[in-house]
Amino acid sequence: LICGSEGQLGVVTEATLKILPKPEGARPVLIGFDSNEVAGACVSDIIKAGVLPVAIEFMDRPCIEATEAFAHPGYPECEALLIVEVEGSDAEIDFQLGRIMEIAAKHNPVELRQSQSEEESAKIWLGRKSAFGAMGQINDYMCLDGTIPVSELPYVLRRIGELSKEYGLGVGNVFHAGDGNMHPLILYDANKPGDLELAERFGADVLRLCVEVGGCLTGEHGVGIEKRDLMVDQFTQADIEAQVRVKDVFDPKWLLNPAKVFPLKATKKRRAG
């Protein structure tokens, strides 16, 4: 209950952690596609097949081009790419990657590149790990955090592209595709009056889209202040009241982050008391 409560229910003073053994090995494969939707469909098919990679990362053309200019990872020229990594013994890795590459081949990838060494693995990951810094070199951006069912990736990626045209703002997609945790980067000009507000409206529509397809407003960044007014798009008033009552038990005086997560209208009397 405390985990994910965003500091509303208590203050953590001590935590006991379990150390897991390091896997025998890990190996990534890079897969390039000629469309975002096809890449999304490939992710969905990998998950449906019961293959469970430790990572499935997605990048679209704006992010690919930015990272190539910034970090020179040697990515292919394509509309979207996936980095899929598996762990285990050599035999386990070979089996899992063989299955993944078989699935990917059915989607006609423009490139299918399996790492053959630690150096190649580092090169494949270099661009992804540089993505946010690379995008910051070319534009101001707003990073979103919404989560969707993996099966909805093709549709959501298409809708984000359509919303980008409607709002007249660019967007770069880089995210954890394996668990549907979206991180669209909405590109705007912080020095242009009204651009930030436009980006915020665009972002709100993307998060509503996530909820619309059966997902949620956040995967790992939390609700905080930025998304609190969108809680009504995911939860009914009864749902919100039930959550607020849990806070009443842990924090009856509403001293802990009282203005976060919940719409201010829903907590006005409690915060005043």
Protein backbone atom coordinates (compact mmCIF):
# COMPACT_ATOMS: atom_id res chain seq x y z
CA LEU A 1 0.00 0.00 0.00
CA ILE A 2 2.86 2.37 0.84
CA CYS A 3 4.68 1.55 -2.41
CA GLY A 4 3.38 3.92 -5.05
CA SER A 5 1.47 6.13 -2.61
CA GLU A 6 3.64 9.15 -3.57
CA GLY A 7 4.39 10.11 0.00
CA GLN A 8 0.75 10.46 1.00
CA LEU A 9 0.50 7.66 3.54
CA GLY A 10 3.75 7.76 5.48
CA VAL A 11 7.49 8.32 5.53
CA VAL A 12 9.76 5.35 4.82
CA THR A 13 12.63 5.23 7.31
CA GLU A 14 13.97 1.75 6.59
CA ALA A 15 13.72 -0.81 3.80
CA THR A 16 14.91 -4.43 3.59
CA LEU A 17 16.01 -5.52 0.13
CA LYS A 18 16.60 -8.93 -1.39
CA ILE A 19 19.63 -9.31 -3.63
CA LEU A 20 18.97 -11.48 -6.69
CA PRO A 21 21.70 -13.54 -8.37
CA LYS A 22 23.19 -12.08 -11.51
CA PRO A 23 22.03 -13.92 -14.67
CA GLU A 24 24.55 -16.09 -16.50
CA GLY A 25 24.38 -13.86 -19.53
CA ALA A 26 22.31 -11.45 -21.60
CA ARG A 27 22.11 -10.65 -25.30
CA PRO A 28 20.08 -8.11 -27.31
CA VAL A 29 18.74 -8.14 -30.84
CA LEU A 30 17.97 -4.96 -32.80
CA ILE A 31 14.97 -5.06 -35.16
CA GLY A 32 14.15 -2.23 -37.59
CA PHE A 33 10.73 -1.64 -39.19
CA ASP A 34 9.24 0.63 -41.82
CA SER A 35 6.35 1.74 -39.59
CA ASN A 36 5.57 2.33 -35.92
CA GLU A 37 2.43 0.24 -36.14
CA VAL A 38 4.25 -2.80 -37.50
CA ALA A 39 6.83 -2.51 -34.70
CA GLY A 40 3.99 -2.34 -32.18
CA ALA A 41 2.36 -5.41 -33.71
CA CYS A 42 5.65 -7.30 -33.44
CA VAL A 43 5.86 -6.49 -29.71
CA SER A 44 2.32 -7.74 -29.22
CA ASP A 45 3.10 -11.00 -31.04
CA ILE A 46 6.25 -11.60 -28.96
CA ILE A 47 4.27 -11.26 -25.73
CA LYS A 48 1.40 -13.39 -27.07
CA ALA A 49 3.88 -16.15 -27.90
CA GLY A 50 4.78 -16.44 -24.23
CA VAL A 51 8.33 -15.19 -24.69
CA LEU A 52 9.36 -12.98 -21.77
CA PRO A 53 12.39 -10.81 -22.60
CA VAL A 54 13.90 -8.74 -19.82
CA ALA A 55 13.58 -5.68 -22.08
CA ILE A 56 11.70 -4.63 -25.19
CA GLU A 57 12.53 -1.00 -25.98
CA PHE A 58 10.93 1.04 -28.75
CA MET A 59 12.27 4.08 -30.61
CA ASP A 60 10.72 5.90 -33.58
CA ARG A 61 12.40 7.84 -36.39
CA PRO A 62 12.78 11.21 -34.58
CA CYS A 63 14.51 9.46 -31.69
CA ILE A 64 16.58 7.22 -33.96
CA GLU A 65 17.87 10.21 -35.94
CA ALA A 66 18.57 12.26 -32.80
CA THR A 67 20.50 9.47 -31.08
CA GLU A 68 22.43 8.67 -34.25
CA ALA A 69 23.61 12.28 -34.49
CA PHE A 70 24.31 12.44 -30.76
CA ALA A 71 25.88 9.08 -29.87
CA HIS A 72 26.54 7.35 -33.24
CA PRO A 73 25.26 3.88 -32.29
CA GLY A 74 25.00 2.76 -35.92
CA TYR A 75 21.25 2.35 -36.08
CA PRO A 76 19.55 1.60 -39.42
CA GLU A 77 17.53 4.22 -41.29
CA CYS A 78 13.98 3.17 -40.52
CA GLU A 79 10.70 4.39 -39.04
CA ALA A 80 10.94 2.38 -35.82
CA LEU A 81 13.23 -0.03 -34.07
CA LEU A 82 13.02 -2.46 -31.20
CA ILE A 83 15.79 -3.54 -28.87
CA VAL A 84 14.86 -6.90 -27.37
CA GLU A 85 17.11 -8.47 -24.73
CA VAL A 86 16.90 -11.87 -23.05
CA GLU A 87 18.83 -13.41 -20.16
CA GLY A 88 19.93 -16.89 -19.10
CA SER A 89 22.41 -19.55 -20.13
CA ASP A 90 23.77 -19.59 -23.68
CA ALA A 91 21.28 -22.30 -24.61
CA GLU A 92 18.36 -20.38 -23.09
CA ILE A 93 19.41 -17.19 -24.84
CA ASP A 94 19.78 -18.93 -28.20
CA PHE A 95 16.34 -20.51 -27.87
CA GLN A 96 14.57 -17.29 -26.85
CA LEU A 97 16.27 -15.10 -29.44
CA GLY A 98 15.61 -17.70 -32.11
CA ARG A 99 11.91 -17.55 -31.29
CA ILE A 100 11.92 -13.74 -31.22
CA MET A 101 13.70 -13.47 -34.55
CA GLU A 102 11.27 -15.97 -36.07
CA ILE A 103 8.34 -13.81 -34.93
CA ALA A 104 10.03 -10.61 -36.10
CA ALA A 105 10.74 -12.06 -39.55
CA LYS A 106 6.99 -12.43 -40.14
CA HIS A 107 6.69 -8.62 -39.92
CA ASN A 108 9.21 -8.00 -42.74
CA PRO A 109 11.82 -6.05 -40.75
CA VAL A 110 14.21 -3.80 -42.62
CA GLU A 111 17.00 -5.00 -40.34
CA LEU A 112 17.44 -7.90 -37.89
CA ARG A 113 20.72 -7.68 -36.00
CA GLN A 114 21.67 -10.04 -33.18
CA SER A 115 24.60 -9.05 -30.99
CA GLN A 116 27.65 -11.26 -31.31
CA SER A 117 29.79 -9.71 -28.58
CA GLU A 118 29.72 -7.49 -25.50
CA GLU A 119 30.95 -4.61 -27.67
CA GLU A 120 28.06 -5.04 -30.09
CA SER A 121 25.59 -5.26 -27.20
CA ALA A 122 26.93 -2.00 -25.77
CA LYS A 123 26.60 -0.38 -29.20
CA ILE A 124 22.99 -1.51 -29.57
CA TRP A 125 22.09 -0.08 -26.16
CA LEU A 126 24.12 3.12 -26.59
CA GLY A 127 21.46 4.97 -28.56
CA ARG A 128 18.57 3.96 -26.30
CA LYS A 129 20.45 5.04 -23.19
CA SER A 130 21.27 8.36 -24.88
CA ALA A 131 17.77 9.01 -26.22
CA PHE A 132 16.51 11.58 -23.73
CA GLY A 133 19.73 13.56 -23.78
CA ALA A 134 19.82 13.40 -27.57
CA MET A 135 16.27 14.71 -27.90
CA GLY A 136 17.11 17.52 -25.47
CA GLN A 137 19.83 18.66 -27.86
CA ILE A 138 17.31 19.46 -30.60
CA ASN A 139 14.15 20.58 -28.79
CA ASP A 140 12.39 21.39 -25.57
CA TYR A 141 10.19 18.42 -24.79
CA MET A 142 7.58 17.18 -22.35
CA CYS A 143 8.00 13.55 -21.33
CA LEU A 144 4.75 11.67 -20.71
CA ASP A 145 4.22 8.45 -18.79
CA GLY A 146 1.14 6.39 -19.54
CA THR A 147 0.62 2.64 -19.70
CA ILE A 148 -1.48 0.59 -22.12
CA PRO A 149 -2.18 -3.08 -22.88
CA VAL A 150 0.59 -4.27 -25.21
CA SER A 151 -2.05 -5.45 -27.70
CA GLU A 152 -3.11 -1.80 -28.17
CA LEU A 153 0.33 -0.55 -29.22
CA PRO A 154 -0.37 -0.35 -32.97
CA TYR A 155 -3.58 1.65 -32.46
CA VAL A 156 -2.14 3.98 -29.82
CA LEU A 157 0.95 4.74 -31.87
CA ARG A 158 -1.25 5.60 -34.85
CA ARG A 159 -3.45 7.86 -32.72
CA ILE A 160 -0.43 9.65 -31.24
CA GLY A 161 0.72 10.38 -34.78
CA GLU A 162 -2.73 11.74 -35.65
CA LEU A 163 -2.81 13.89 -32.52
CA SER A 164 0.64 15.23 -33.39
CA LYS A 165 -0.72 16.51 -36.69
CA GLU A 166 -3.85 17.93 -35.04
CA TYR A 167 -1.84 19.91 -32.50
CA GLY A 168 0.94 20.87 -34.88
CA LEU A 169 3.63 19.62 -32.50
CA GLY A 170 6.21 16.92 -33.17
CA VAL A 171 6.50 13.86 -30.98
CA GLY A 172 9.23 11.31 -30.44
CA ASN A 173 8.35 7.89 -29.06
CA VAL A 174 10.84 6.05 -26.86
CA PHE A 175 9.48 3.66 -24.28
CA HIS A 176 9.38 0.29 -22.55
CA ALA A 177 7.28 -1.57 -25.10
CA GLY A 178 7.34 -4.91 -23.30
CA ASP A 179 5.08 -3.68 -20.51
CA GLY A 180 3.24 -1.02 -22.52
CA ASN A 181 4.82 1.84 -20.56
CA MET A 182 4.66 4.75 -23.02
CA HIS A 183 7.00 7.77 -22.91
CA PRO A 184 6.04 10.05 -25.82
CA LEU A 185 8.23 13.15 -25.95
CA ILE A 186 6.13 16.10 -27.10
CA LEU A 187 8.37 18.64 -28.83
CA TYR A 188 7.67 22.34 -28.31
CA ASP A 189 9.38 25.73 -28.09
CA ALA A 190 9.58 26.97 -24.50
CA ASN A 191 10.28 30.51 -25.80
CA LYS A 192 7.14 30.61 -27.94
CA PRO A 193 4.10 31.97 -26.06
CA GLY A 194 1.36 29.37 -25.78
CA ASP A 195 3.49 26.44 -26.91
CA LEU A 196 3.84 24.93 -23.42
CA GLU A 197 0.09 25.11 -22.83
CA LEU A 198 -0.49 23.50 -26.24
CA ALA A 199 1.92 20.70 -25.35
CA GLU A 200 0.11 20.18 -22.04
CA ARG A 201 -3.23 19.81 -23.82
CA PHE A 202 -1.66 17.39 -26.29
CA GLY A 203 -0.20 15.41 -23.40
CA ALA A 204 -3.54 15.27 -21.60
CA ASP A 205 -5.19 13.84 -24.72
CA VAL A 206 -2.47 11.18 -25.01
CA LEU A 207 -3.02 10.12 -21.40
CA ARG A 208 -6.79 10.02 -21.93
CA LEU A 209 -6.08 7.79 -24.92
CA CYS A 210 -4.12 5.43 -22.67
CA VAL A 211 -7.10 5.17 -20.31
CA GLU A 212 -9.53 4.80 -23.22
CA VAL A 213 -7.82 1.61 -24.44
CA GLY A 214 -7.76 0.03 -21.00
CA GLY A 215 -4.52 1.45 -19.63
CA CYS A 216 -3.76 4.01 -16.95
CA LEU A 217 -2.42 7.52 -16.42
CA THR A 218 1.01 6.46 -15.16
CA GLY A 219 3.39 3.54 -15.27
CA GLU A 220 6.32 4.71 -13.19
CA HIS A 221 6.43 8.51 -12.87
CA GLY A 222 3.35 8.86 -10.67
CA VAL A 223 0.42 11.27 -10.71
CA GLY A 224 1.70 14.07 -8.52
CA ILE A 225 0.35 17.50 -9.42
CA GLU A 226 0.65 17.29 -13.20
CA LYS A 227 -1.94 14.51 -13.65
CA ARG A 228 -4.22 15.01 -10.65
CA ASP A 229 -6.99 16.66 -12.68
CA LEU A 230 -6.94 13.70 -15.08
CA MET A 231 -7.78 11.24 -12.31
CA VAL A 232 -11.47 11.75 -13.15
CA ASP A 233 -10.78 10.32 -16.61
CA GLN A 234 -9.65 7.03 -15.08
CA PHE A 235 -11.68 6.82 -11.86
CA THR A 236 -15.28 7.50 -10.89
CA GLN A 237 -16.06 9.87 -8.04
CA ALA A 238 -16.80 6.82 -5.88
CA ASP A 239 -13.37 5.35 -6.75
CA ILE A 240 -11.61 8.58 -5.81
CA GLU A 241 -13.56 8.86 -2.55
CA ALA A 242 -12.51 5.31 -1.61
CA GLN A 243 -8.85 6.19 -2.21
CA VAL A 244 -9.18 9.41 -0.22
CA ARG A 245 -10.62 7.47 2.72
CA VAL A 246 -7.53 5.28 2.78
CA LYS A 247 -5.46 8.43 3.18
CA ASP A 248 -7.80 9.53 5.99
CA VAL A 249 -6.76 6.43 7.96
CA PHE A 250 -3.02 6.88 7.52
CA ASP A 251 -2.93 10.69 7.57
CA PRO A 252 -6.07 12.02 9.34
CA LYS A 253 -4.74 15.58 9.47
CA TRP A 254 -3.75 15.56 5.80
CA LEU A 255 -0.17 16.68 6.41
CA LEU A 256 1.55 14.48 3.81
CA ASN A 257 1.52 15.84 0.24
CA PRO A 258 -2.07 17.05 0.67
CA ALA A 259 -2.35 18.66 -2.79
CA LYS A 260 -1.03 15.75 -4.82
CA VAL A 261 -2.68 12.91 -6.76
CA PHE A 262 -6.33 13.77 -6.11
CA PRO A 263 -8.26 16.59 -7.84
CA LEU A 264 -8.28 19.59 -5.50
CA LYS A 265 -12.07 19.83 -5.62
CA ALA A 266 -12.34 16.30 -4.20
CA THR A 267 -10.11 17.05 -1.21
CA LYS A 268 -10.90 20.72 -0.49
CA LYS A 269 -12.73 20.13 2.83
CA ARG A 270 -10.11 17.69 4.10
CA ARG A 271 -7.22 20.02 3.30
CA ALA A 272 -9.01 22.93 4.94
CA GLY A 273 -9.66 21.01 8.15
